[in-house]
Protein backbone atom coordinates (compact mmCIF):
# COMPACT_ATOMS: atom_id res chain seq x y z
CA MET A 1 14.61 -8.38 10.30
CA PRO A 2 14.49 -8.46 6.63
CA SER A 3 15.01 -11.75 4.97
CA THR A 4 18.05 -12.33 2.92
CA GLY A 5 19.68 -13.95 0.72
CA PRO A 6 19.31 -14.56 -3.07
CA ARG A 7 15.93 -15.91 -3.03
CA ALA A 8 14.93 -13.09 -0.75
CA ASP A 9 16.10 -10.59 -3.57
CA ALA A 10 14.66 -12.33 -6.47
CA ALA A 11 11.74 -12.15 -5.07
CA ARG A 12 11.62 -8.34 -4.52
CA ALA A 13 12.78 -7.97 -7.74
CA GLU A 14 10.18 -9.93 -9.77
CA PHE A 15 7.26 -8.45 -7.93
CA ARG A 16 8.07 -4.98 -8.36
CA ARG A 17 9.03 -6.03 -12.04
CA ILE A 18 5.77 -7.53 -12.44
CA LEU A 19 3.94 -4.01 -11.63
CA GLU A 20 5.71 -2.29 -14.29
CA HIS A 21 4.22 -4.85 -16.60
CA LYS A 22 1.98 -2.97 -19.62
CA GLY A 23 -1.41 -4.39 -18.96
CA HIS A 24 -4.22 -3.81 -16.80
CA ALA A 25 -3.35 -3.15 -12.78
CA THR A 26 -6.28 -5.83 -11.89
CA ASP A 27 -4.29 -8.77 -13.47
CA ASN A 28 -0.47 -7.26 -12.59
CA ALA A 29 -1.58 -7.47 -8.81
CA ARG A 30 -3.20 -10.70 -9.57
CA GLU A 31 0.62 -11.84 -10.55
CA ALA A 32 2.27 -10.10 -8.16
CA MET A 33 -0.35 -11.77 -5.34
CA GLU A 34 0.69 -15.25 -6.69
CA LEU A 35 4.14 -14.25 -6.40
CA LEU A 36 4.16 -13.27 -3.22
CA GLU A 37 2.36 -15.75 -1.67
CA SER A 38 4.64 -18.58 -3.09
CA ALA A 39 7.98 -16.68 -1.97
CA LEU A 40 6.16 -16.37 1.70
CA ALA A 41 4.81 -19.70 1.81
CA GLU A 42 8.57 -21.04 0.55
CA GLY A 43 10.46 -18.76 3.45
CA ALA A 44 12.28 -16.80 0.63
CA LEU A 45 10.94 -13.81 2.61
CA ALA A 46 9.37 -13.46 6.31
CA ARG A 47 5.62 -13.01 6.24
CA THR A 48 4.62 -9.89 8.77
CA PRO A 49 0.93 -9.09 10.16
CA GLU A 50 1.30 -6.16 8.30
CA ILE A 51 1.82 -8.30 5.08
CA ASP A 52 -0.94 -10.58 5.94
CA GLN A 53 -3.29 -7.76 6.34
CA THR A 54 -2.25 -5.88 2.64
CA LEU A 55 -2.86 -9.19 1.03
CA ALA A 56 -6.15 -9.35 2.74
CA ASP A 57 -7.06 -5.65 1.32
CA LEU A 58 -6.04 -6.33 -2.46
CA ARG A 59 -8.02 -10.30 -2.11
CA LEU A 60 -11.00 -7.73 -1.62
CA ALA A 61 -10.07 -5.08 -4.20
CA LEU A 62 -9.88 -8.20 -6.29
CA GLU A 63 -12.56 -9.97 -6.00
CA GLN A 64 -15.37 -10.22 -8.43
CA ASP A 65 -18.55 -12.14 -9.53
CA ASP A 66 -18.25 -15.01 -12.34
CA GLY A 67 -18.15 -13.06 -15.53
CA GLN A 68 -17.84 -9.77 -13.76
CA LYS A 69 -15.20 -7.32 -15.05
CA LEU A 70 -13.17 -5.25 -12.44
CA GLY A 71 -13.69 -1.51 -13.11
CA GLY A 72 -11.37 1.71 -12.33
CA LYS A 73 -11.80 1.53 -9.14
CA SER A 74 -10.77 -1.83 -8.71
CA ALA A 75 -7.61 -0.80 -10.16
CA GLU A 76 -6.85 2.20 -8.56
CA ALA A 77 -7.19 0.13 -5.41
CA ALA A 78 -4.65 -2.44 -6.75
CA ARG A 79 -2.29 -0.14 -7.35
CA PHE A 80 -2.38 1.60 -4.11
CA ILE A 81 -2.46 -1.49 -2.33
CA THR A 82 0.51 -3.40 -4.54
CA ARG A 83 2.47 0.00 -3.94
CA ARG A 84 2.29 -0.64 -0.32
CA LEU A 85 3.26 -4.16 -0.74
CA SER A 86 6.12 -3.01 -2.57
CA SER A 87 7.34 -1.05 0.26
CA LEU A 88 6.80 -3.63 2.91
CA LEU A 89 8.90 -6.00 1.11
CA ASP A 90 11.91 -3.81 2.42
CA ASP A 91 11.42 -5.32 5.60
CA ALA A 92 10.05 -8.90 4.87
């Protein structure tokens, strides 16, 4: 059953707002991931196995070595994965 209440609604709205920011997709994805992890930890949204797996996939897509810049493939993966997370939040 999806989380309800103002905290859940605010977390979903803020997550989606972050994804619409101007800027690099990987930066937006990192910010959105931090917000989502915080909302899950605080109990504003319910953690699901599918959200956990999708967050793990996003962490891999955003992984980089010190000084390494993420390229187009990472940005495209981040966009794809964050869109999936956005749809999963409706049931979180």
